[in-house]
Amino acid sequence: MATSKRKELIAAHLHSWKRIIQLAVPWTDAIAAAQGVHPTDLIAASYLHDVGSATAGRLADITGLTTGATTACIDRLERAGFARREADSQDRRKVVLKPGKLPKVSKELLAFRASAMKKAEDAFSQCTDAEIGRMTECMHKLAVVFEKEAHEFKKSHRRSMARKKDGIQ
């Protein structure tokens, strides 16, 4: 059973995490605007660069887009050169997205990002390697939780919207 102190620590940590998420949205919007792309496209391009390749379905899961909106996103990514479609080597019916170039980053944006990353590193300067390792492990676990929860919410939301459309409450 968790003590009240432990509950307070967890609540404070989750509140901090929530705040980071809230701040990430305008951060991503500003960077995307500076690059002349839609924030979702920037997220998708960044994801492809992180993982190397993905199916359209996986990209839809990551971005939260519908299949139609994902197709439009992929079209924009291809036009901008941020991604390219390739036939899956195992199944020709599938298309795999490979990363292309990332948006050209201005010197101003590079300097801003470097400054922000330096300040982020400084925030961890008082932590031991073990503490940073443990925080990273917890963040990975939280990412899995959020991904699964978002997927379940979308499934549930689609069912409830379909029932409303069909006049079923």
N, C-alpha and C. Protein backbone atom coordinates (compact mmCIF):
# COMPACT_ATOMS: atom_id res chain seq x y z
N MET A 1 0.84 -1.18 0.00
CA MET A 1 0.00 0.00 0.00
C MET A 1 0.88 1.24 0.00
N ALA A 2 0.53 2.18 -0.87
CA ALA A 2 1.33 3.39 -1.01
C ALA A 2 1.05 4.35 0.15
N THR A 3 2.13 4.93 0.64
CA THR A 3 1.99 5.92 1.71
C THR A 3 1.48 7.22 1.09
N SER A 4 1.00 8.13 1.95
CA SER A 4 0.51 9.41 1.45
C SER A 4 1.66 10.21 0.81
N LYS A 5 2.87 10.08 1.37
CA LYS A 5 4.03 10.77 0.80
C LYS A 5 4.32 10.24 -0.61
N ARG A 6 4.25 8.92 -0.76
CA ARG A 6 4.49 8.32 -2.08
C ARG A 6 3.43 8.76 -3.08
N LYS A 7 2.17 8.78 -2.65
CA LYS A 7 1.08 9.24 -3.52
C LYS A 7 1.32 10.69 -3.95
N GLU A 8 1.78 11.53 -3.01
CA GLU A 8 2.07 12.93 -3.33
C GLU A 8 3.21 13.04 -4.33
N LEU A 9 4.26 12.23 -4.14
CA LEU A 9 5.40 12.25 -5.06
C LEU A 9 4.98 11.83 -6.46
N ILE A 10 4.19 10.76 -6.55
CA ILE A 10 3.72 10.28 -7.85
C ILE A 10 2.82 11.33 -8.50
N ALA A 11 1.92 11.91 -7.73
CA ALA A 11 1.03 12.94 -8.26
C ALA A 11 1.83 14.14 -8.77
N ALA A 12 2.84 14.55 -8.03
CA ALA A 12 3.67 15.68 -8.45
C ALA A 12 4.43 15.34 -9.72
N HIS A 13 4.95 14.12 -9.80
CA HIS A 13 5.68 13.70 -11.00
C HIS A 13 4.75 13.67 -12.20
N LEU A 14 3.56 13.10 -12.04
CA LEU A 14 2.61 13.03 -13.15
C LEU A 14 2.14 14.42 -13.56
N HIS A 15 2.02 15.32 -12.59
CA HIS A 15 1.66 16.71 -12.92
C HIS A 15 2.77 17.35 -13.77
N SER A 16 4.01 17.12 -13.40
CA SER A 16 5.14 17.64 -14.18
C SER A 16 5.13 17.08 -15.59
N TRP A 17 4.84 15.79 -15.69
CA TRP A 17 4.78 15.14 -17.00
C TRP A 17 3.67 15.74 -17.83
N LYS A 18 2.51 15.99 -17.21
CA LYS A 18 1.38 16.61 -17.90
C LYS A 18 1.78 17.99 -18.41
N ARG A 19 2.49 18.74 -17.59
CA ARG A 19 2.93 20.08 -17.99
C ARG A 19 3.88 20.02 -19.18
N ILE A 20 4.77 19.05 -19.20
CA ILE A 20 5.69 18.88 -20.32
C ILE A 20 4.90 18.60 -21.60
N ILE A 21 3.88 17.75 -21.50
CA ILE A 21 3.05 17.45 -22.67
C ILE A 21 2.35 18.73 -23.14
N GLN A 22 1.80 19.50 -22.21
CA GLN A 22 1.12 20.74 -22.58
C GLN A 22 2.07 21.71 -23.28
N LEU A 23 3.31 21.76 -22.84
CA LEU A 23 4.28 22.67 -23.44
C LEU A 23 4.84 22.12 -24.75
N ALA A 24 4.81 20.82 -24.94
CA ALA A 24 5.33 20.22 -26.17
C ALA A 24 4.48 20.60 -27.38
N VAL A 25 3.19 20.78 -27.17
CA VAL A 25 2.31 21.12 -28.29
C VAL A 25 2.69 22.46 -28.91
N PRO A 26 2.75 23.55 -28.13
CA PRO A 26 3.14 24.82 -28.76
C PRO A 26 4.58 24.81 -29.28
N TRP A 27 5.46 24.05 -28.63
CA TRP A 27 6.84 23.90 -29.10
C TRP A 27 6.84 23.29 -30.49
N THR A 28 6.12 22.20 -30.66
CA THR A 28 6.03 21.52 -31.96
C THR A 28 5.37 22.42 -32.99
N ASP A 29 4.30 23.11 -32.59
CA ASP A 29 3.62 24.03 -33.51
C ASP A 29 4.58 25.12 -34.00
N ALA A 30 5.36 25.69 -33.09
CA ALA A 30 6.28 26.77 -33.45
C ALA A 30 7.36 26.28 -34.40
N ILE A 31 7.91 25.11 -34.12
CA ILE A 31 8.96 24.56 -34.98
C ILE A 31 8.39 24.23 -36.35
N ALA A 32 7.21 23.62 -36.38
CA ALA A 32 6.57 23.29 -37.66
C ALA A 32 6.29 24.56 -38.46
N ALA A 33 5.76 25.59 -37.79
CA ALA A 33 5.47 26.86 -38.48
C ALA A 33 6.75 27.46 -39.05
N ALA A 34 7.83 27.40 -38.29
CA ALA A 34 9.12 27.93 -38.77
C ALA A 34 9.61 27.16 -39.98
N GLN A 35 9.20 25.89 -40.08
CA GLN A 35 9.62 25.06 -41.21
C GLN A 35 8.62 25.07 -42.36
N GLY A 36 7.46 25.68 -42.12
CA GLY A 36 6.44 25.74 -43.17
C GLY A 36 5.73 24.42 -43.39
N VAL A 37 5.63 23.60 -42.34
CA VAL A 37 4.93 22.32 -42.45
C VAL A 37 3.88 22.22 -41.36
N HIS A 38 2.97 21.29 -41.51
CA HIS A 38 1.94 21.04 -40.49
C HIS A 38 2.61 20.30 -39.32
N PRO A 39 2.21 20.60 -38.09
CA PRO A 39 2.82 19.92 -36.93
C PRO A 39 2.74 18.39 -37.02
N THR A 40 1.62 17.86 -37.50
CA THR A 40 1.49 16.41 -37.62
C THR A 40 2.50 15.85 -38.62
N ASP A 41 2.74 16.58 -39.70
CA ASP A 41 3.73 16.15 -40.68
C ASP A 41 5.13 16.13 -40.07
N LEU A 42 5.42 17.14 -39.25
CA LEU A 42 6.72 17.19 -38.59
C LEU A 42 6.89 16.01 -37.64
N ILE A 43 5.84 15.69 -36.89
CA ILE A 43 5.87 14.55 -35.97
C ILE A 43 6.07 13.25 -36.75
N ALA A 44 5.34 13.10 -37.85
CA ALA A 44 5.45 11.89 -38.66
C ALA A 44 6.85 11.76 -39.26
N ALA A 45 7.40 12.85 -39.79
CA ALA A 45 8.74 12.82 -40.38
C ALA A 45 9.78 12.49 -39.31
N SER A 46 9.63 13.08 -38.14
CA SER A 46 10.56 12.82 -37.04
C SER A 46 10.49 11.35 -36.61
N TYR A 47 9.26 10.83 -36.52
CA TYR A 47 9.08 9.42 -36.15
C TYR A 47 9.78 8.51 -37.15
N LEU A 48 9.57 8.77 -38.44
CA LEU A 48 10.22 7.93 -39.46
C LEU A 48 11.73 7.98 -39.33
N HIS A 49 12.27 9.14 -39.03
CA HIS A 49 13.72 9.24 -38.85
C HIS A 49 14.19 8.48 -37.62
N ASP A 50 13.36 8.44 -36.59
CA ASP A 50 13.73 7.72 -35.37
C ASP A 50 13.72 6.21 -35.59
N VAL A 51 12.71 5.69 -36.30
CA VAL A 51 12.54 4.24 -36.42
C VAL A 51 13.06 3.67 -37.73
N GLY A 52 13.27 4.51 -38.73
CA GLY A 52 13.82 4.03 -40.00
C GLY A 52 12.78 3.75 -41.06
N SER A 53 11.66 3.18 -40.69
CA SER A 53 10.58 2.94 -41.63
C SER A 53 9.34 2.53 -40.85
N ALA A 54 8.19 2.67 -41.50
CA ALA A 54 6.93 2.30 -40.85
C ALA A 54 5.87 2.10 -41.91
N THR A 55 4.86 1.32 -41.56
CA THR A 55 3.71 1.18 -42.44
C THR A 55 2.81 2.40 -42.25
N ALA A 56 1.90 2.58 -43.19
CA ALA A 56 0.94 3.67 -43.06
C ALA A 56 0.09 3.48 -41.80
N GLY A 57 -0.27 2.25 -41.49
CA GLY A 57 -1.06 1.97 -40.30
C GLY A 57 -0.34 2.37 -39.03
N ARG A 58 0.95 2.08 -38.97
CA ARG A 58 1.73 2.45 -37.78
C ARG A 58 1.82 3.97 -37.67
N LEU A 59 2.01 4.63 -38.81
CA LEU A 59 2.07 6.08 -38.79
C LEU A 59 0.73 6.67 -38.33
N ALA A 60 -0.37 6.05 -38.73
CA ALA A 60 -1.70 6.49 -38.28
C ALA A 60 -1.81 6.33 -36.77
N ASP A 61 -1.32 5.22 -36.24
CA ASP A 61 -1.36 5.00 -34.79
C ASP A 61 -0.55 6.07 -34.05
N ILE A 62 0.63 6.37 -34.55
CA ILE A 62 1.51 7.34 -33.88
C ILE A 62 0.93 8.75 -33.93
N THR A 63 0.39 9.13 -35.08
CA THR A 63 -0.11 10.49 -35.23
C THR A 63 -1.55 10.66 -34.75
N GLY A 64 -2.28 9.55 -34.64
CA GLY A 64 -3.68 9.63 -34.24
C GLY A 64 -4.61 10.00 -35.38
N LEU A 65 -4.09 9.94 -36.60
CA LEU A 65 -4.89 10.29 -37.77
C LEU A 65 -5.73 9.12 -38.26
N THR A 66 -6.81 9.43 -38.95
CA THR A 66 -7.60 8.40 -39.62
C THR A 66 -6.79 7.90 -40.81
N THR A 67 -7.23 6.81 -41.42
CA THR A 67 -6.49 6.28 -42.57
C THR A 67 -6.48 7.29 -43.72
N GLY A 68 -7.62 7.96 -43.95
CA GLY A 68 -7.67 8.96 -45.02
C GLY A 68 -6.74 10.13 -44.75
N ALA A 69 -6.75 10.63 -43.53
CA ALA A 69 -5.88 11.74 -43.17
C ALA A 69 -4.41 11.31 -43.20
N THR A 70 -4.14 10.04 -42.87
CA THR A 70 -2.77 9.54 -42.94
C THR A 70 -2.29 9.52 -44.38
N THR A 71 -3.16 9.11 -45.29
CA THR A 71 -2.79 9.11 -46.71
C THR A 71 -2.43 10.53 -47.17
N ALA A 72 -3.24 11.51 -46.77
CA ALA A 72 -2.95 12.90 -47.11
C ALA A 72 -1.63 13.36 -46.50
N CYS A 73 -1.38 12.95 -45.26
CA CYS A 73 -0.13 13.29 -44.59
C CYS A 73 1.06 12.69 -45.35
N ILE A 74 0.93 11.43 -45.73
CA ILE A 74 2.00 10.75 -46.47
C ILE A 74 2.24 11.45 -47.81
N ASP A 75 1.16 11.85 -48.48
CA ASP A 75 1.29 12.59 -49.74
C ASP A 75 2.10 13.86 -49.52
N ARG A 76 1.79 14.60 -48.44
CA ARG A 76 2.52 15.84 -48.15
C ARG A 76 3.98 15.54 -47.81
N LEU A 77 4.21 14.47 -47.03
CA LEU A 77 5.58 14.10 -46.68
C LEU A 77 6.39 13.76 -47.93
N GLU A 78 5.76 13.04 -48.86
CA GLU A 78 6.45 12.69 -50.11
C GLU A 78 6.75 13.93 -50.95
N ARG A 79 5.75 14.81 -51.08
CA ARG A 79 5.96 16.04 -51.88
C ARG A 79 7.10 16.88 -51.31
N ALA A 80 7.19 16.92 -49.99
CA ALA A 80 8.24 17.71 -49.33
C ALA A 80 9.59 16.98 -49.30
N GLY A 81 9.57 15.69 -49.65
CA GLY A 81 10.81 14.91 -49.63
C GLY A 81 11.15 14.34 -48.26
N PHE A 82 10.20 14.42 -47.31
CA PHE A 82 10.47 13.94 -45.95
C PHE A 82 10.30 12.43 -45.84
N ALA A 83 9.64 11.82 -46.81
CA ALA A 83 9.41 10.36 -46.79
C ALA A 83 9.21 9.89 -48.22
N ARG A 84 9.36 8.58 -48.39
CA ARG A 84 9.08 7.97 -49.69
C ARG A 84 8.40 6.63 -49.47
N ARG A 85 7.48 6.31 -50.35
CA ARG A 85 6.78 5.02 -50.29
C ARG A 85 7.62 3.97 -51.01
N GLU A 86 7.66 2.78 -50.42
CA GLU A 86 8.31 1.64 -51.05
C GLU A 86 7.43 0.42 -50.83
N ALA A 87 7.43 -0.48 -51.80
CA ALA A 87 6.69 -1.73 -51.65
C ALA A 87 7.38 -2.57 -50.57
N ASP A 88 6.59 -3.21 -49.74
CA ASP A 88 7.12 -4.10 -48.71
C ASP A 88 7.78 -5.30 -49.40
N SER A 89 8.98 -5.63 -48.98
CA SER A 89 9.71 -6.74 -49.62
C SER A 89 9.06 -8.09 -49.33
N GLN A 90 8.30 -8.19 -48.25
CA GLN A 90 7.64 -9.45 -47.89
C GLN A 90 6.23 -9.57 -48.47
N ASP A 91 5.57 -8.42 -48.66
CA ASP A 91 4.18 -8.42 -49.12
C ASP A 91 3.97 -7.21 -50.02
N ARG A 92 3.90 -7.44 -51.32
CA ARG A 92 3.81 -6.34 -52.29
C ARG A 92 2.54 -5.50 -52.13
N ARG A 93 1.54 -6.04 -51.44
CA ARG A 93 0.31 -5.27 -51.23
C ARG A 93 0.50 -4.17 -50.20
N LYS A 94 1.52 -4.32 -49.38
CA LYS A 94 1.80 -3.32 -48.33
C LYS A 94 2.78 -2.27 -48.83
N VAL A 95 2.63 -1.09 -48.27
CA VAL A 95 3.55 0.00 -48.56
C VAL A 95 4.28 0.35 -47.27
N VAL A 96 5.57 0.50 -47.39
CA VAL A 96 6.39 0.90 -46.25
C VAL A 96 6.88 2.32 -46.52
N LEU A 97 6.86 3.13 -45.50
CA LEU A 97 7.36 4.50 -45.62
C LEU A 97 8.78 4.55 -45.10
N LYS A 98 9.65 5.10 -45.90
CA LYS A 98 11.06 5.26 -45.53
C LYS A 98 11.30 6.75 -45.31
N PRO A 99 12.17 7.08 -44.36
CA PRO A 99 12.44 8.50 -44.13
C PRO A 99 13.19 9.11 -45.30
N GLY A 100 12.87 10.34 -45.57
CA GLY A 100 13.61 11.13 -46.55
C GLY A 100 14.44 12.14 -45.78
N LYS A 101 14.48 13.33 -46.29
CA LYS A 101 15.22 14.39 -45.60
C LYS A 101 14.32 15.02 -44.54
N LEU A 102 14.93 15.53 -43.50
CA LEU A 102 14.19 16.32 -42.53
C LEU A 102 14.15 17.76 -43.04
N PRO A 103 13.22 18.57 -42.53
CA PRO A 103 13.17 19.96 -42.99
C PRO A 103 14.51 20.65 -42.74
N LYS A 104 14.87 21.53 -43.66
CA LYS A 104 16.08 22.32 -43.44
C LYS A 104 15.85 23.18 -42.21
N VAL A 105 16.81 23.17 -41.35
CA VAL A 105 16.67 23.89 -40.09
C VAL A 105 17.50 25.17 -40.18
N SER A 106 16.87 26.28 -39.89
CA SER A 106 17.57 27.56 -39.95
C SER A 106 18.62 27.65 -38.84
N LYS A 107 19.59 28.53 -39.03
CA LYS A 107 20.61 28.74 -38.00
C LYS A 107 19.96 29.19 -36.70
N GLU A 108 18.93 30.04 -36.83
CA GLU A 108 18.22 30.53 -35.65
C GLU A 108 17.56 29.37 -34.89
N LEU A 109 16.90 28.47 -35.63
CA LEU A 109 16.24 27.33 -34.99
C LEU A 109 17.27 26.38 -34.39
N LEU A 110 18.38 26.16 -35.09
CA LEU A 110 19.44 25.31 -34.54
C LEU A 110 19.98 25.89 -33.24
N ALA A 111 20.19 27.19 -33.21
CA ALA A 111 20.71 27.85 -31.99
C ALA A 111 19.69 27.74 -30.86
N PHE A 112 18.41 27.95 -31.19
CA PHE A 112 17.35 27.84 -30.19
C PHE A 112 17.29 26.42 -29.63
N ARG A 113 17.33 25.43 -30.52
CA ARG A 113 17.27 24.04 -30.08
C ARG A 113 18.50 23.68 -29.24
N ALA A 114 19.67 24.13 -29.66
CA ALA A 114 20.90 23.85 -28.90
C ALA A 114 20.81 24.45 -27.50
N SER A 115 20.29 25.66 -27.41
CA SER A 115 20.14 26.32 -26.11
C SER A 115 19.15 25.55 -25.24
N ALA A 116 18.03 25.16 -25.81
CA ALA A 116 17.01 24.41 -25.05
C ALA A 116 17.57 23.06 -24.58
N MET A 117 18.30 22.37 -25.44
CA MET A 117 18.87 21.07 -25.06
C MET A 117 19.93 21.23 -23.97
N LYS A 118 20.71 22.30 -24.04
CA LYS A 118 21.72 22.55 -23.01
C LYS A 118 21.04 22.78 -21.66
N LYS A 119 19.96 23.55 -21.67
CA LYS A 119 19.22 23.81 -20.43
C LYS A 119 18.57 22.53 -19.91
N ALA A 120 18.10 21.69 -20.83
CA ALA A 120 17.52 20.41 -20.41
C ALA A 120 18.59 19.52 -19.78
N GLU A 121 19.78 19.48 -20.40
CA GLU A 121 20.88 18.71 -19.82
C GLU A 121 21.25 19.25 -18.44
N ASP A 122 21.27 20.57 -18.32
CA ASP A 122 21.59 21.19 -17.03
C ASP A 122 20.58 20.79 -15.96
N ALA A 123 19.32 20.61 -16.35
CA ALA A 123 18.29 20.22 -15.39
C ALA A 123 18.60 18.85 -14.77
N PHE A 124 19.35 18.03 -15.49
CA PHE A 124 19.71 16.70 -15.00
C PHE A 124 21.08 16.67 -14.32
N SER A 125 21.76 17.80 -14.25
CA SER A 125 23.14 17.80 -13.74
C SER A 125 23.27 17.35 -12.30
N GLN A 126 22.23 17.52 -11.50
CA GLN A 126 22.29 17.11 -10.10
C GLN A 126 21.88 15.65 -9.89
N CYS A 127 21.47 14.99 -10.96
CA CYS A 127 21.01 13.60 -10.86
C CYS A 127 22.18 12.64 -11.09
N THR A 128 22.14 11.52 -10.41
CA THR A 128 23.15 10.49 -10.64
C THR A 128 22.79 9.74 -11.93
N ASP A 129 23.76 9.00 -12.45
CA ASP A 129 23.50 8.19 -13.64
C ASP A 129 22.38 7.18 -13.37
N ALA A 130 22.40 6.61 -12.16
CA ALA A 130 21.36 5.64 -11.81
C ALA A 130 19.98 6.29 -11.79
N GLU A 131 19.90 7.51 -11.27
CA GLU A 131 18.60 8.21 -11.24
C GLU A 131 18.12 8.51 -12.65
N ILE A 132 19.02 8.97 -13.51
CA ILE A 132 18.64 9.25 -14.90
C ILE A 132 18.21 7.97 -15.59
N GLY A 133 18.93 6.89 -15.35
CA GLY A 133 18.56 5.60 -15.92
C GLY A 133 17.17 5.15 -15.47
N ARG A 134 16.88 5.33 -14.21
CA ARG A 134 15.57 4.94 -13.66
C ARG A 134 14.46 5.82 -14.23
N MET A 135 14.73 7.14 -14.33
CA MET A 135 13.73 8.04 -14.92
C MET A 135 13.45 7.65 -16.37
N THR A 136 14.50 7.31 -17.10
CA THR A 136 14.34 6.90 -18.50
C THR A 136 13.50 5.64 -18.59
N GLU A 137 13.78 4.69 -17.73
CA GLU A 137 13.00 3.45 -17.70
C GLU A 137 11.52 3.75 -17.42
N CYS A 138 11.26 4.62 -16.46
CA CYS A 138 9.88 4.99 -16.14
C CYS A 138 9.22 5.71 -17.31
N MET A 139 9.94 6.58 -17.99
CA MET A 139 9.38 7.30 -19.14
C MET A 139 9.02 6.33 -20.26
N HIS A 140 9.86 5.33 -20.48
CA HIS A 140 9.54 4.30 -21.49
C HIS A 140 8.25 3.57 -21.11
N LYS A 141 8.11 3.24 -19.84
CA LYS A 141 6.90 2.56 -19.38
C LYS A 141 5.67 3.46 -19.57
N LEU A 142 5.82 4.75 -19.25
CA LEU A 142 4.71 5.69 -19.43
C LEU A 142 4.34 5.82 -20.90
N ALA A 143 5.33 5.83 -21.77
CA ALA A 143 5.06 5.93 -23.22
C ALA A 143 4.21 4.74 -23.68
N VAL A 144 4.54 3.55 -23.18
CA VAL A 144 3.76 2.35 -23.54
C VAL A 144 2.33 2.48 -23.02
N VAL A 145 2.19 2.95 -21.78
CA VAL A 145 0.86 3.13 -21.20
C VAL A 145 0.05 4.11 -22.03
N PHE A 146 0.63 5.27 -22.36
CA PHE A 146 -0.10 6.28 -23.12
C PHE A 146 -0.46 5.79 -24.52
N GLU A 147 0.45 5.07 -25.14
CA GLU A 147 0.15 4.54 -26.48
C GLU A 147 -1.02 3.56 -26.43
N LYS A 148 -1.00 2.66 -25.46
CA LYS A 148 -2.10 1.69 -25.33
C LYS A 148 -3.41 2.38 -24.97
N GLU A 149 -3.36 3.32 -24.05
CA GLU A 149 -4.57 4.04 -23.64
C GLU A 149 -5.16 4.85 -24.79
N ALA A 150 -4.31 5.50 -25.56
CA ALA A 150 -4.79 6.27 -26.71
C ALA A 150 -5.47 5.35 -27.72
N HIS A 151 -4.87 4.19 -27.96
CA HIS A 151 -5.45 3.21 -28.88
C HIS A 151 -6.81 2.74 -28.38
N GLU A 152 -6.91 2.42 -27.10
CA GLU A 152 -8.18 1.97 -26.53
C GLU A 152 -9.23 3.08 -26.57
N PHE A 153 -8.82 4.30 -26.27
CA PHE A 153 -9.76 5.41 -26.31
C PHE A 153 -10.30 5.61 -27.72
N LYS A 154 -9.40 5.56 -28.71
CA LYS A 154 -9.83 5.73 -30.10
C LYS A 154 -10.81 4.63 -30.50
N LYS A 155 -10.53 3.38 -30.11
CA LYS A 155 -11.45 2.28 -30.43
C LYS A 155 -12.80 2.51 -29.79
N SER A 156 -12.80 2.89 -28.53
CA SER A 156 -14.04 3.13 -27.80
C SER A 156 -14.79 4.32 -28.41
N HIS A 157 -14.07 5.36 -28.75
CA HIS A 157 -14.68 6.55 -29.31
C HIS A 157 -15.32 6.23 -30.67
N ARG A 158 -14.63 5.44 -31.49
CA ARG A 158 -15.20 5.06 -32.79
C ARG A 158 -16.48 4.29 -32.62
N ARG A 159 -16.52 3.37 -31.65
CA ARG A 159 -17.74 2.58 -31.41
C ARG A 159 -18.88 3.47 -30.95
N SER A 160 -18.59 4.40 -30.02
CA SER A 160 -19.66 5.26 -29.51
C SER A 160 -20.14 6.20 -30.60
N MET A 161 -19.25 6.69 -31.46
CA MET A 161 -19.66 7.56 -32.56
C MET A 161 -20.49 6.78 -33.57
N ALA A 162 -20.13 5.54 -33.83
CA ALA A 162 -20.90 4.71 -34.76
C ALA A 162 -22.30 4.46 -34.22
N ARG A 163 -22.41 4.21 -32.91
CA ARG A 163 -23.73 4.00 -32.29
C ARG A 163 -24.57 5.26 -32.38
N LYS A 164 -23.98 6.42 -32.15
CA LYS A 164 -24.72 7.68 -32.24
C LYS A 164 -25.20 7.90 -33.67
N LYS A 165 -24.32 7.61 -34.64
CA LYS A 165 -24.68 7.77 -36.04
C LYS A 165 -25.86 6.87 -36.41
N ASP A 166 -25.87 5.67 -35.84
CA ASP A 166 -26.94 4.69 -36.12
C ASP A 166 -28.16 4.92 -35.25
N GLY A 167 -28.13 5.96 -34.39
CA GLY A 167 -29.26 6.28 -33.53
C GLY A 167 -29.37 5.39 -32.30
N ILE A 168 -28.25 4.73 -31.95
CA ILE A 168 -28.23 3.87 -30.77
C ILE A 168 -27.48 4.61 -29.66
N GLN A 169 -28.08 4.67 -28.51
CA GLN A 169 -27.43 5.33 -27.38
C GLN A 169 -26.84 4.37 -26.46
